[in-house]
Amino acid sequence: MPMLQARITDEEARAIKSYAKTKGITTSQVVRESVASYIAKPQEQVFFGDMKGKMWMADDFDEIPEGFEDYV
């Protein structure tokens, strides 16, 4: 069986244990179900043009900075 290792804080461990106790399941089941549900989520498809209007470039983006002419 594959093994998943992760570092979590003491606070996160307490939260997982508390959640498992309220649900009446083991902490292993909580983690396993969380990972499985995360993987099962459909990934959003990215399409050409999705970033249109969400990015900005300086007006002088295509200009060569002063002193860099020898490098271009």
Protein backbone atom coordinates (compact mmCIF):
# COMPACT_ATOMS: atom_id res chain seq x y z
CA MET A 1 0.00 0.00 0.00
CA PRO A 2 1.41 3.45 -0.86
CA MET A 3 2.43 5.67 2.03
CA LEU A 4 1.87 9.41 2.32
CA GLN A 5 4.03 11.42 4.69
CA ALA A 6 3.39 15.00 5.70
CA ARG A 7 4.55 17.36 8.42
CA ILE A 8 1.78 19.02 10.35
CA THR A 9 1.73 21.23 13.41
CA ASP A 10 0.54 20.06 16.81
CA GLU A 11 -2.50 22.30 16.36
CA GLU A 12 -3.37 20.64 13.04
CA ALA A 13 -2.95 17.18 14.60
CA ARG A 14 -5.31 18.14 17.44
CA ALA A 15 -7.84 19.44 14.92
CA ILE A 16 -7.69 16.20 12.92
CA LYS A 17 -8.09 14.10 16.08
CA SER A 18 -11.00 16.24 17.24
CA TYR A 19 -12.72 16.01 13.85
CA ALA A 20 -12.23 12.24 13.74
CA LYS A 21 -13.66 11.89 17.23
CA THR A 22 -16.80 13.91 16.37
CA LYS A 23 -17.30 11.84 13.19
CA GLY A 24 -16.64 8.55 14.99
CA ILE A 25 -13.84 7.51 12.65
CA THR A 26 -10.07 7.10 12.94
CA THR A 27 -7.58 9.84 12.14
CA SER A 28 -6.27 7.64 9.31
CA GLN A 29 -9.74 7.59 7.76
CA VAL A 30 -10.00 11.38 8.02
CA VAL A 31 -6.68 11.85 6.23
CA ARG A 32 -7.40 9.16 3.62
CA GLU A 33 -10.84 10.61 2.82
CA SER A 34 -9.43 14.15 2.66
CA VAL A 35 -6.72 13.15 0.20
CA ALA A 36 -9.15 11.10 -1.89
CA SER A 37 -11.69 13.92 -2.09
CA TYR A 38 -8.96 16.43 -3.03
CA ILE A 39 -7.73 14.20 -5.86
CA ALA A 40 -11.29 13.55 -7.07
CA LYS A 41 -12.03 17.28 -7.55
CA PRO A 42 -12.21 18.14 -11.23
CA GLN A 43 -9.36 20.40 -12.27
CA GLU A 44 -10.30 23.67 -13.94
CA GLN A 45 -9.42 23.69 -17.62
CA VAL A 46 -7.25 26.53 -18.83
CA PHE A 47 -8.01 28.08 -22.20
CA PHE A 48 -6.05 30.45 -24.41
CA GLY A 49 -6.97 34.01 -23.49
CA ASP A 50 -8.11 33.27 -19.92
CA MET A 51 -5.62 35.79 -18.54
CA LYS A 52 -6.74 38.60 -20.84
CA GLY A 53 -7.24 41.75 -18.79
CA LYS A 54 -5.72 40.17 -15.67
CA MET A 55 -2.08 41.07 -16.35
CA TRP A 56 -0.33 44.37 -16.90
CA MET A 57 2.98 45.18 -18.56
CA ALA A 58 4.78 48.49 -18.38
CA ASP A 59 4.41 50.77 -21.40
CA ASP A 60 8.18 50.56 -22.01
CA PHE A 61 8.33 46.76 -21.76
CA ASP A 62 9.75 46.31 -25.29
CA GLU A 63 12.34 49.07 -24.93
CA ILE A 64 15.96 48.24 -24.19
CA PRO A 65 17.03 49.68 -20.82
CA GLU A 66 19.72 52.35 -20.94
CA GLY A 67 23.20 50.79 -20.86
CA PHE A 68 22.09 47.33 -22.06
CA GLU A 69 22.47 47.92 -25.80
CA ASP A 70 25.70 45.84 -25.92
CA TYR A 71 23.93 42.79 -24.50
CA VAL A 72 21.12 42.70 -27.05
